[in-house]
C-alpha cells in the first residue's frame, strides 16, 4: 500500500481510494499477464 500524507482526513481518504483503485487495476493487469504467460 502506498502511504499518503495529506493536510486533512477527507483529502487523504479520497487519495487512498484513488490509489487503491489504481493498485487494483495494476494487480489485474499483472494477473492477465501471468495468465497469458502460462
N, C-alpha and C. Protein backbone atom coordinates (compact mmCIF):
# COMPACT_ATOMS: atom_id res chain seq x y z
N UNK A 1 0.85 -1.20 0.00
CA UNK A 1 0.00 0.00 0.00
C UNK A 1 0.88 1.25 0.00
N UNK A 2 0.52 2.16 -0.84
CA UNK A 2 1.27 3.41 -0.92
C UNK A 2 0.79 4.35 0.19
N UNK A 3 1.71 4.86 0.97
CA UNK A 3 1.36 5.78 2.06
C UNK A 3 1.23 7.20 1.52
N UNK A 4 0.23 7.89 2.01
CA UNK A 4 -0.08 9.24 1.51
C UNK A 4 -0.12 10.21 2.68
N UNK A 5 0.56 11.34 2.53
CA UNK A 5 0.46 12.43 3.51
C UNK A 5 -0.44 13.51 2.93
N UNK A 6 -1.42 13.93 3.70
CA UNK A 6 -2.33 14.98 3.25
C UNK A 6 -2.65 15.88 4.42
N UNK A 7 -3.11 17.07 4.11
CA UNK A 7 -3.36 18.05 5.17
C UNK A 7 -4.65 17.79 5.94
N UNK A 8 -5.63 17.16 5.27
CA UNK A 8 -6.84 16.84 6.02
C UNK A 8 -7.29 15.41 5.73
N UNK A 9 -8.13 14.88 6.60
CA UNK A 9 -8.52 13.48 6.56
C UNK A 9 -9.32 13.18 5.29
N UNK A 10 -10.24 14.09 4.94
CA UNK A 10 -11.08 13.86 3.75
C UNK A 10 -10.22 13.74 2.50
N UNK A 11 -9.27 14.64 2.36
CA UNK A 11 -8.37 14.60 1.21
C UNK A 11 -7.57 13.30 1.20
N UNK A 12 -7.09 12.89 2.35
CA UNK A 12 -6.31 11.66 2.45
C UNK A 12 -7.15 10.46 2.06
N UNK A 13 -8.41 10.41 2.51
CA UNK A 13 -9.29 9.29 2.18
C UNK A 13 -9.55 9.22 0.69
N UNK A 14 -9.79 10.38 0.07
CA UNK A 14 -10.05 10.41 -1.38
C UNK A 14 -8.83 9.92 -2.14
N UNK A 15 -7.64 10.35 -1.73
CA UNK A 15 -6.41 9.92 -2.38
C UNK A 15 -6.19 8.42 -2.20
N UNK A 16 -6.48 7.91 -1.01
CA UNK A 16 -6.31 6.48 -0.75
C UNK A 16 -7.24 5.66 -1.63
N UNK A 17 -8.46 6.14 -1.81
CA UNK A 17 -9.40 5.43 -2.68
C UNK A 17 -8.87 5.39 -4.11
N UNK A 18 -8.39 6.54 -4.60
CA UNK A 18 -7.85 6.60 -5.96
C UNK A 18 -6.65 5.66 -6.10
N UNK A 19 -5.76 5.70 -5.13
CA UNK A 19 -4.57 4.85 -5.17
C UNK A 19 -4.98 3.38 -5.11
N UNK A 20 -5.96 3.08 -4.26
CA UNK A 20 -6.44 1.70 -4.15
C UNK A 20 -6.99 1.19 -5.47
N UNK A 21 -7.74 2.04 -6.17
CA UNK A 21 -8.29 1.66 -7.47
C UNK A 21 -7.16 1.42 -8.46
N UNK A 22 -6.18 2.32 -8.47
CA UNK A 22 -5.03 2.17 -9.37
C UNK A 22 -4.29 0.87 -9.07
N UNK A 23 -4.08 0.57 -7.78
CA UNK A 23 -3.37 -0.65 -7.42
C UNK A 23 -4.15 -1.89 -7.87
N UNK A 24 -5.49 -1.85 -7.75
CA UNK A 24 -6.30 -2.99 -8.19
C UNK A 24 -6.18 -3.17 -9.70
N UNK A 25 -6.17 -2.06 -10.44
CA UNK A 25 -6.02 -2.13 -11.90
C UNK A 25 -4.67 -2.74 -12.24
N UNK A 26 -3.61 -2.30 -11.55
CA UNK A 26 -2.27 -2.83 -11.79
C UNK A 26 -2.25 -4.33 -11.49
N UNK A 27 -2.86 -4.73 -10.36
CA UNK A 27 -2.90 -6.14 -9.98
C UNK A 27 -3.62 -6.97 -11.05
N UNK A 28 -4.75 -6.46 -11.54
CA UNK A 28 -5.50 -7.21 -12.54
C UNK A 28 -4.71 -7.30 -13.85
N UNK A 29 -4.00 -6.22 -14.20
CA UNK A 29 -3.15 -6.26 -15.40
C UNK A 29 -2.05 -7.30 -15.24
N UNK A 30 -1.44 -7.34 -14.05
CA UNK A 30 -0.37 -8.30 -13.79
C UNK A 30 -0.90 -9.73 -13.85
N UNK A 31 -2.11 -9.96 -13.32
CA UNK A 31 -2.66 -11.31 -13.33
C UNK A 31 -3.02 -11.73 -14.76
N UNK A 32 -3.46 -10.76 -15.59
CA UNK A 32 -3.73 -11.07 -17.01
C UNK A 32 -2.43 -11.51 -17.68
N UNK A 33 -1.33 -10.81 -17.40
CA UNK A 33 -0.03 -11.16 -17.99
C UNK A 33 0.40 -12.56 -17.54
N UNK A 34 0.15 -12.88 -16.27
CA UNK A 34 0.50 -14.21 -15.77
C UNK A 34 -0.30 -15.28 -16.50
N UNK A 35 -1.59 -15.02 -16.70
CA UNK A 35 -2.44 -15.99 -17.40
C UNK A 35 -1.94 -16.19 -18.83
N UNK A 36 -1.59 -15.08 -19.49
CA UNK A 36 -1.11 -15.17 -20.87
C UNK A 36 0.22 -15.91 -20.96
N UNK A 37 1.07 -15.76 -19.93
CA UNK A 37 2.40 -16.33 -20.00
C UNK A 37 2.41 -17.83 -19.71
N UNK A 38 1.38 -18.35 -19.07
CA UNK A 38 1.38 -19.78 -18.71
C UNK A 38 0.83 -20.63 -19.82
